């Protein structure tokens, strides 16, 4: 009798564990901006966990989560988007521009971001119009020669090599 009860409890425990792990699934999709263009580097986090990922160069992502959990999509200059996971394994998101979040931000040479008011040294600004007249797939290379004293070069002649910044 004791053996039968032990066997039944073991099977019940195995069934509960199987159901618990079976709820987690892979969610994938694409994140685009308000124009429908893919957004690379969008942060995607399962709310309440440390589970997160980013979109690739084509705006695609893949993350493991359970039904009923919420995904939070964040990107600089875009409004935060939250989507609850349902039965579907695909969630595509179109983000909207957040004009209020776009305050003038200065990125210094050492990578520290501050507002222009808090800087105690010389700052040069580059307007969007100056960059848009230089057709280039890479924003960093579009900045080359846009202001005096800044030169941007590749570390090597290989495609995809890291970019070096010189003053």
Protein backbone atom coordinates (compact mmCIF):
# COMPACT_ATOMS: atom_id res chain seq x y z
CA UNK A 1 0.00 0.00 0.00
CA UNK A 2 2.80 2.38 0.96
CA UNK A 3 4.63 1.61 -2.31
CA UNK A 4 1.55 2.37 -4.39
CA UNK A 5 1.00 5.69 -2.60
CA UNK A 6 4.67 6.62 -3.06
CA UNK A 7 4.49 5.76 -6.77
CA UNK A 8 1.31 7.80 -7.27
CA UNK A 9 2.80 10.82 -5.48
CA UNK A 10 5.96 10.57 -7.60
CA UNK A 11 3.93 10.50 -10.81
CA UNK A 12 1.82 13.44 -9.61
CA UNK A 13 4.94 15.44 -8.78
CA UNK A 14 6.47 14.65 -12.20
CA UNK A 15 3.22 15.74 -13.90
CA UNK A 16 3.12 19.06 -11.99
CA UNK A 17 6.78 19.78 -12.79
CA UNK A 18 6.16 18.95 -16.46
CA UNK A 19 3.15 21.31 -16.65
CA UNK A 20 5.07 24.10 -14.89
CA UNK A 21 7.97 23.98 -17.35
CA UNK A 22 5.71 23.42 -20.36
CA UNK A 23 4.15 26.88 -19.88
CA UNK A 24 7.35 28.69 -20.89
CA UNK A 25 7.56 29.25 -24.63
CA UNK A 26 9.65 31.21 -27.10
CA UNK A 27 8.12 34.51 -28.19
CA UNK A 28 9.51 36.15 -31.31
CA UNK A 29 8.63 39.08 -33.51
CA UNK A 30 9.78 42.32 -35.08
CA UNK A 31 9.98 45.85 -33.66
CA UNK A 32 9.54 48.81 -36.02
CA UNK A 33 9.40 52.58 -35.68
CA UNK A 34 6.42 54.78 -36.57
CA UNK A 35 7.47 54.66 -40.25
CA UNK A 36 7.55 50.85 -40.32
CA UNK A 37 11.37 50.64 -40.44
CA UNK A 38 13.04 47.98 -38.25
CA UNK A 39 14.61 49.22 -35.00
CA UNK A 40 17.89 47.52 -33.99
CA UNK A 41 18.88 47.59 -30.31
CA UNK A 42 15.41 47.81 -28.73
CA UNK A 43 15.48 46.48 -25.15
CA UNK A 44 12.89 43.80 -24.39
CA UNK A 45 12.39 42.65 -20.79
CA UNK A 46 9.94 40.24 -19.19
CA UNK A 47 8.42 42.48 -16.49
CA UNK A 48 9.25 41.28 -12.96
CA UNK A 49 12.20 39.15 -14.05
CA UNK A 50 15.80 39.62 -15.15
CA UNK A 51 15.05 37.88 -18.45
CA UNK A 52 15.69 40.23 -21.37
CA UNK A 53 17.06 40.61 -24.87
CA UNK A 54 17.60 43.14 -27.66
CA UNK A 55 16.48 43.29 -31.26
CA UNK A 56 19.02 42.42 -33.93
CA UNK A 57 20.03 44.60 -36.90
CA UNK A 58 16.77 43.75 -38.71
CA UNK A 59 14.56 44.51 -35.68
CA UNK A 60 13.89 40.83 -34.88
CA UNK A 61 13.91 39.37 -31.38
CA UNK A 62 13.32 36.09 -29.56
CA UNK A 63 12.73 35.63 -25.82
CA UNK A 64 11.48 32.87 -23.51
CA UNK A 65 8.47 33.74 -21.36
CA UNK A 66 5.25 32.27 -20.02
CA UNK A 67 1.68 33.02 -21.02
CA UNK A 68 0.25 35.88 -18.95
CA UNK A 69 3.61 37.61 -18.43
CA UNK A 70 4.21 41.10 -19.84
CA UNK A 71 6.96 42.15 -22.26
CA UNK A 72 8.26 45.73 -21.99
CA UNK A 73 9.85 47.31 -25.09
CA UNK A 74 12.05 50.40 -24.57
CA UNK A 75 14.15 52.48 -26.96
CA UNK A 76 15.67 55.97 -26.71
CA UNK A 77 13.30 58.58 -28.12
CA UNK A 78 10.38 56.15 -28.35
CA UNK A 79 7.42 55.59 -26.02
CA UNK A 80 7.58 52.50 -23.83
CA UNK A 81 5.36 49.66 -25.10
CA UNK A 82 4.00 46.77 -23.01
CA UNK A 83 2.41 43.61 -24.44
CA UNK A 84 0.90 40.73 -22.46
CA UNK A 85 1.76 37.27 -23.73
CA UNK A 86 -1.22 35.25 -24.86
CA UNK A 87 -1.59 32.04 -26.83
CA UNK A 88 0.22 33.47 -29.86
CA UNK A 89 4.01 32.92 -30.12
CA UNK A 90 4.56 36.04 -32.24
CA UNK A 91 4.34 39.65 -31.04
CA UNK A 92 5.18 42.43 -33.50
CA UNK A 93 5.45 45.96 -32.08
CA UNK A 94 5.36 49.35 -33.76
CA UNK A 95 6.85 52.01 -31.49
CA UNK A 96 5.86 55.69 -31.45
CA UNK A 97 8.18 58.67 -31.14
CA UNK A 98 8.18 60.34 -27.72
CA UNK A 99 8.93 64.02 -28.35
CA UNK A 100 8.93 64.79 -24.61
CA UNK A 101 11.72 62.28 -23.97
CA UNK A 102 13.94 63.89 -26.60
CA UNK A 103 15.86 66.45 -24.54
CA UNK A 104 19.18 67.77 -25.82
CA UNK A 105 21.77 65.25 -24.67
CA UNK A 106 25.52 65.50 -25.13
CA UNK A 107 27.69 62.39 -25.39
CA UNK A 108 31.22 63.20 -24.30
CA UNK A 109 34.38 61.51 -25.58
CA UNK A 110 34.57 59.25 -22.53
CA UNK A 111 31.00 58.02 -23.00
CA UNK A 112 29.32 59.95 -20.18
CA UNK A 113 25.99 61.50 -21.15
CA UNK A 114 24.91 64.79 -19.60
CA UNK A 115 22.63 67.65 -20.43
CA UNK A 116 24.39 70.56 -22.12
CA UNK A 117 23.66 72.83 -19.12
CA UNK A 118 25.81 70.67 -16.79
CA UNK A 119 28.98 70.78 -18.90
CA UNK A 120 31.91 72.95 -17.83
CA UNK A 121 33.83 72.89 -21.11
CA UNK A 122 33.44 73.62 -24.81
CA UNK A 123 30.70 71.77 -26.70
CA UNK A 124 30.10 71.72 -30.43
CA UNK A 125 26.70 70.74 -31.80
CA UNK A 126 25.93 69.05 -35.10
CA UNK A 127 22.46 69.69 -36.48
CA UNK A 128 20.46 66.90 -38.12
CA UNK A 129 20.43 68.79 -41.42
CA UNK A 130 24.25 68.68 -41.58
CA UNK A 131 24.21 64.90 -41.18
CA UNK A 132 21.31 64.25 -43.57
CA UNK A 133 23.16 65.76 -46.56
CA UNK A 134 25.86 63.07 -46.18
CA UNK A 135 24.30 59.79 -47.34
CA UNK A 136 25.88 57.10 -45.17
CA UNK A 137 24.47 53.92 -43.67
CA UNK A 138 26.39 54.51 -40.43
CA UNK A 139 25.56 57.53 -38.25
CA UNK A 140 29.06 57.59 -36.75
CA UNK A 141 30.69 57.91 -40.18
CA UNK A 142 28.23 60.69 -41.08
CA UNK A 143 29.68 62.74 -38.21
CA UNK A 144 33.17 62.64 -39.74
CA UNK A 145 34.22 66.19 -40.65
CA UNK A 146 30.98 67.70 -39.31
CA UNK A 147 32.85 69.73 -36.68
CA UNK A 148 36.41 70.96 -36.38
CA UNK A 149 38.93 68.82 -34.55
CA UNK A 150 37.06 65.51 -34.88
CA UNK A 151 38.21 62.75 -37.16
CA UNK A 152 36.57 59.32 -37.25
CA UNK A 153 38.41 56.36 -38.81
CA UNK A 154 38.05 52.58 -38.86
CA UNK A 155 40.48 50.52 -36.81
CA UNK A 156 41.34 48.50 -39.91
CA UNK A 157 40.26 48.20 -43.52
CA UNK A 158 38.06 45.19 -42.79
CA UNK A 159 34.29 45.41 -43.06
CA UNK A 160 32.62 45.60 -39.65
CA UNK A 161 35.79 46.70 -37.87
CA UNK A 162 35.43 48.87 -34.80
CA UNK A 163 35.48 52.63 -35.23
CA UNK A 164 38.12 54.85 -33.61
CA UNK A 165 37.50 58.48 -32.67
CA UNK A 166 40.25 61.09 -32.76
CA UNK A 167 40.26 64.67 -31.57
